[in-house]
Amino acid sequence: MLNLVIPVALAMMTVAMALNLWRVVRGPDLPDRIIGLDTLYVNTIALLVLFGIGESNAVYFEAALLIAMMGFVGTVALCKYLLRGDVIE
């Protein structure tokens, strides 16, 4: 059953990532683009976890953790820039 579910979930995540990329490129405002980037990295984490489950390899989980940490810092920096116009005070 897992051999059927993993490719379907990977295909769905790929479609979700394409839609997020579309929002980043065509977003009407800067906050919409930031939310698009935020959901794009969350979908990337899910994609890596699915690869890790499918391949039975823990390296994908570690990469997902690193992307989660960097994505959080990036989102905070972009939001701070949007609110204040400067990242470093």
N, C-alpha and C. Protein backbone atom coordinates (compact mmCIF):
# COMPACT_ATOMS: atom_id res chain seq x y z
N MET A 1 0.82 -1.20 0.00
CA MET A 1 0.00 0.00 0.00
C MET A 1 0.86 1.26 0.00
N LEU A 2 1.98 1.21 0.75
CA LEU A 2 2.86 2.38 0.81
C LEU A 2 3.51 2.66 -0.54
N ASN A 3 3.73 1.63 -1.33
CA ASN A 3 4.31 1.82 -2.66
C ASN A 3 3.38 2.55 -3.59
N LEU A 4 2.10 2.56 -3.30
CA LEU A 4 1.13 3.29 -4.12
C LEU A 4 0.91 4.71 -3.60
N VAL A 5 0.92 4.86 -2.29
CA VAL A 5 0.59 6.15 -1.69
C VAL A 5 1.72 7.17 -1.85
N ILE A 6 2.96 6.75 -1.71
CA ILE A 6 4.09 7.68 -1.79
C ILE A 6 4.16 8.38 -3.14
N PRO A 7 4.09 7.70 -4.30
CA PRO A 7 4.13 8.43 -5.57
C PRO A 7 2.95 9.38 -5.77
N VAL A 8 1.79 9.00 -5.29
CA VAL A 8 0.62 9.89 -5.40
C VAL A 8 0.83 11.14 -4.55
N ALA A 9 1.33 10.96 -3.32
CA ALA A 9 1.59 12.10 -2.45
C ALA A 9 2.70 12.99 -3.02
N LEU A 10 3.72 12.39 -3.63
CA LEU A 10 4.78 13.18 -4.26
C LEU A 10 4.23 14.00 -5.42
N ALA A 11 3.34 13.42 -6.19
CA ALA A 11 2.73 14.16 -7.30
C ALA A 11 1.89 15.32 -6.78
N MET A 12 1.14 15.08 -5.72
CA MET A 12 0.32 16.16 -5.15
C MET A 12 1.18 17.28 -4.59
N MET A 13 2.27 16.92 -3.94
CA MET A 13 3.16 17.95 -3.39
C MET A 13 3.84 18.74 -4.51
N THR A 14 4.15 18.08 -5.61
CA THR A 14 4.74 18.77 -6.74
C THR A 14 3.77 19.79 -7.33
N VAL A 15 2.52 19.41 -7.44
CA VAL A 15 1.49 20.34 -7.93
C VAL A 15 1.33 21.51 -6.95
N ALA A 16 1.33 21.22 -5.66
CA ALA A 16 1.21 22.27 -4.65
C ALA A 16 2.40 23.23 -4.72
N MET A 17 3.59 22.69 -4.95
CA MET A 17 4.77 23.55 -5.06
C MET A 17 4.71 24.42 -6.31
N ALA A 18 4.17 23.88 -7.40
CA ALA A 18 4.02 24.67 -8.62
C ALA A 18 3.03 25.81 -8.39
N LEU A 19 1.95 25.54 -7.68
CA LEU A 19 0.99 26.60 -7.38
C LEU A 19 1.57 27.65 -6.44
N ASN A 20 2.39 27.22 -5.48
CA ASN A 20 3.05 28.18 -4.60
C ASN A 20 4.04 29.04 -5.37
N LEU A 21 4.75 28.44 -6.30
CA LEU A 21 5.68 29.21 -7.12
C LEU A 21 4.93 30.23 -7.97
N TRP A 22 3.78 29.85 -8.44
CA TRP A 22 2.94 30.78 -9.21
C TRP A 22 2.54 31.97 -8.33
N ARG A 23 2.22 31.72 -7.07
CA ARG A 23 1.85 32.81 -6.16
C ARG A 23 3.04 33.70 -5.88
N VAL A 24 4.23 33.13 -5.80
CA VAL A 24 5.42 33.94 -5.56
C VAL A 24 5.70 34.83 -6.77
N VAL A 25 5.55 34.30 -7.95
CA VAL A 25 5.84 35.07 -9.16
C VAL A 25 4.74 36.10 -9.44
N ARG A 26 3.49 35.71 -9.32
CA ARG A 26 2.38 36.58 -9.72
C ARG A 26 1.62 37.20 -8.55
N GLY A 27 2.17 37.10 -7.33
CA GLY A 27 1.45 37.64 -6.18
C GLY A 27 1.15 39.11 -6.34
N PRO A 28 -0.06 39.54 -5.98
CA PRO A 28 -0.38 40.95 -6.17
C PRO A 28 0.40 41.87 -5.24
N ASP A 29 0.69 41.41 -4.04
CA ASP A 29 1.40 42.25 -3.07
C ASP A 29 2.61 41.51 -2.53
N LEU A 30 3.45 42.25 -1.83
CA LEU A 30 4.62 41.63 -1.19
C LEU A 30 4.24 40.65 -0.09
N PRO A 31 3.22 40.94 0.75
CA PRO A 31 2.84 39.92 1.74
C PRO A 31 2.37 38.60 1.11
N ASP A 32 1.69 38.66 -0.03
CA ASP A 32 1.28 37.44 -0.71
C ASP A 32 2.49 36.64 -1.19
N ARG A 33 3.50 37.34 -1.63
CA ARG A 33 4.72 36.65 -2.07
C ARG A 33 5.45 36.02 -0.89
N ILE A 34 5.46 36.70 0.25
CA ILE A 34 6.09 36.14 1.44
C ILE A 34 5.35 34.89 1.89
N ILE A 35 4.03 34.93 1.88
CA ILE A 35 3.25 33.75 2.26
C ILE A 35 3.48 32.62 1.25
N GLY A 36 3.61 32.96 -0.03
CA GLY A 36 3.92 31.96 -1.04
C GLY A 36 5.26 31.29 -0.78
N LEU A 37 6.26 32.08 -0.42
CA LEU A 37 7.58 31.51 -0.09
C LEU A 37 7.51 30.64 1.16
N ASP A 38 6.73 31.10 2.13
CA ASP A 38 6.59 30.34 3.37
C ASP A 38 5.95 28.98 3.10
N THR A 39 4.89 28.95 2.35
CA THR A 39 4.25 27.67 2.05
C THR A 39 5.11 26.83 1.10
N LEU A 40 5.92 27.48 0.28
CA LEU A 40 6.82 26.73 -0.60
C LEU A 40 7.86 25.97 0.20
N TYR A 41 8.42 26.59 1.22
CA TYR A 41 9.40 25.84 2.00
C TYR A 41 8.73 24.78 2.87
N VAL A 42 7.50 25.01 3.31
CA VAL A 42 6.79 23.97 4.06
C VAL A 42 6.51 22.77 3.16
N ASN A 43 6.13 23.03 1.91
CA ASN A 43 5.91 21.94 0.97
C ASN A 43 7.21 21.22 0.62
N THR A 44 8.31 21.95 0.59
CA THR A 44 9.61 21.33 0.36
C THR A 44 9.97 20.39 1.50
N ILE A 45 9.66 20.80 2.72
CA ILE A 45 9.89 19.93 3.87
C ILE A 45 9.06 18.66 3.74
N ALA A 46 7.79 18.81 3.39
CA ALA A 46 6.93 17.63 3.23
C ALA A 46 7.44 16.72 2.12
N LEU A 47 7.92 17.31 1.04
CA LEU A 47 8.46 16.53 -0.07
C LEU A 47 9.69 15.74 0.36
N LEU A 48 10.57 16.37 1.12
CA LEU A 48 11.75 15.67 1.62
C LEU A 48 11.40 14.55 2.59
N VAL A 49 10.41 14.79 3.43
CA VAL A 49 9.98 13.74 4.36
C VAL A 49 9.40 12.56 3.58
N LEU A 50 8.62 12.84 2.54
CA LEU A 50 8.08 11.77 1.72
C LEU A 50 9.19 10.98 1.02
N PHE A 51 10.21 11.68 0.52
CA PHE A 51 11.37 11.00 -0.08
C PHE A 51 12.05 10.13 0.96
N GLY A 52 12.20 10.66 2.18
CA GLY A 52 12.84 9.90 3.24
C GLY A 52 12.08 8.64 3.60
N ILE A 53 10.76 8.73 3.63
CA ILE A 53 9.95 7.56 3.92
C ILE A 53 10.05 6.56 2.78
N GLY A 54 9.99 7.06 1.56
CA GLY A 54 10.06 6.17 0.40
C GLY A 54 11.39 5.48 0.24
N GLU A 55 12.47 6.17 0.54
CA GLU A 55 13.82 5.61 0.39
C GLU A 55 14.34 4.96 1.66
N SER A 56 13.65 5.14 2.78
CA SER A 56 14.08 4.65 4.09
C SER A 56 15.48 5.17 4.44
N ASN A 57 15.64 6.48 4.28
CA ASN A 57 16.93 7.11 4.50
C ASN A 57 16.73 8.32 5.41
N ALA A 58 17.51 8.38 6.49
CA ALA A 58 17.35 9.44 7.48
C ALA A 58 17.97 10.76 7.06
N VAL A 59 18.78 10.77 6.01
CA VAL A 59 19.43 12.00 5.56
C VAL A 59 18.39 13.01 5.09
N TYR A 60 17.32 12.54 4.48
CA TYR A 60 16.26 13.43 4.01
C TYR A 60 15.58 14.15 5.18
N PHE A 61 15.45 13.47 6.31
CA PHE A 61 14.83 14.09 7.48
C PHE A 61 15.71 15.19 8.05
N GLU A 62 17.01 14.97 8.04
CA GLU A 62 17.94 15.99 8.52
C GLU A 62 17.93 17.20 7.59
N ALA A 63 17.86 16.96 6.30
CA ALA A 63 17.78 18.07 5.35
C ALA A 63 16.48 18.84 5.53
N ALA A 64 15.39 18.14 5.82
CA ALA A 64 14.11 18.81 6.06
C ALA A 64 14.18 19.68 7.31
N LEU A 65 14.88 19.21 8.32
CA LEU A 65 15.04 20.00 9.54
C LEU A 65 15.84 21.27 9.27
N LEU A 66 16.90 21.16 8.49
CA LEU A 66 17.70 22.34 8.15
C LEU A 66 16.89 23.35 7.33
N ILE A 67 16.12 22.86 6.39
CA ILE A 67 15.28 23.76 5.59
C ILE A 67 14.23 24.43 6.45
N ALA A 68 13.69 23.72 7.43
CA ALA A 68 12.70 24.30 8.33
C ALA A 68 13.31 25.45 9.14
N MET A 69 14.51 25.25 9.65
CA MET A 69 15.16 26.30 10.44
C MET A 69 15.49 27.51 9.57
N MET A 70 16.04 27.27 8.40
CA MET A 70 16.40 28.38 7.52
C MET A 70 15.17 29.10 6.98
N GLY A 71 14.12 28.34 6.72
CA GLY A 71 12.88 28.95 6.24
C GLY A 71 12.25 29.84 7.29
N PHE A 72 12.29 29.41 8.54
CA PHE A 72 11.74 30.24 9.61
C PHE A 72 12.50 31.55 9.74
N VAL A 73 13.82 31.47 9.73
CA VAL A 73 14.64 32.68 9.84
C VAL A 73 14.40 33.59 8.64
N GLY A 74 14.29 33.01 7.46
CA GLY A 74 14.03 33.81 6.27
C GLY A 74 12.68 34.50 6.31
N THR A 75 11.66 33.80 6.78
CA THR A 75 10.33 34.40 6.88
C THR A 75 10.31 35.53 7.89
N VAL A 76 10.98 35.35 9.01
CA VAL A 76 11.05 36.41 10.02
C VAL A 76 11.79 37.62 9.47
N ALA A 77 12.88 37.39 8.75
CA ALA A 77 13.64 38.50 8.18
C ALA A 77 12.83 39.26 7.13
N LEU A 78 12.12 38.53 6.28
CA LEU A 78 11.30 39.20 5.27
C LEU A 78 10.16 40.00 5.89
N CYS A 79 9.53 39.45 6.92
CA CYS A 79 8.45 40.17 7.59
C CYS A 79 8.97 41.40 8.32
N LYS A 80 10.14 41.27 8.92
CA LYS A 80 10.73 42.43 9.59
C LYS A 80 11.09 43.51 8.58
N TYR A 81 11.59 43.11 7.43
CA TYR A 81 11.89 44.08 6.38
C TYR A 81 10.61 44.75 5.88
N LEU A 82 9.56 43.97 5.76
CA LEU A 82 8.28 44.52 5.28
C LEU A 82 7.72 45.53 6.28
N LEU A 83 7.83 45.24 7.57
CA LEU A 83 7.26 46.15 8.57
C LEU A 83 8.12 47.37 8.83
N ARG A 84 9.45 47.20 8.88
CA ARG A 84 10.31 48.29 9.29
C ARG A 84 11.15 48.88 8.15
N GLY A 85 11.32 48.16 7.07
CA GLY A 85 12.15 48.65 5.99
C GLY A 85 13.61 48.33 6.17
N ASP A 86 13.95 47.66 7.28
CA ASP A 86 15.34 47.31 7.57
C ASP A 86 15.33 46.02 8.39
N VAL A 87 16.28 45.15 8.11
CA VAL A 87 16.34 43.88 8.83
C VAL A 87 17.16 44.04 10.11
N ILE A 88 18.30 44.71 10.00
CA ILE A 88 19.19 44.88 11.14
C ILE A 88 19.02 46.30 11.67
N GLU A 89 18.78 46.38 12.95
CA GLU A 89 18.55 47.71 13.56
C GLU A 89 19.83 48.36 13.93
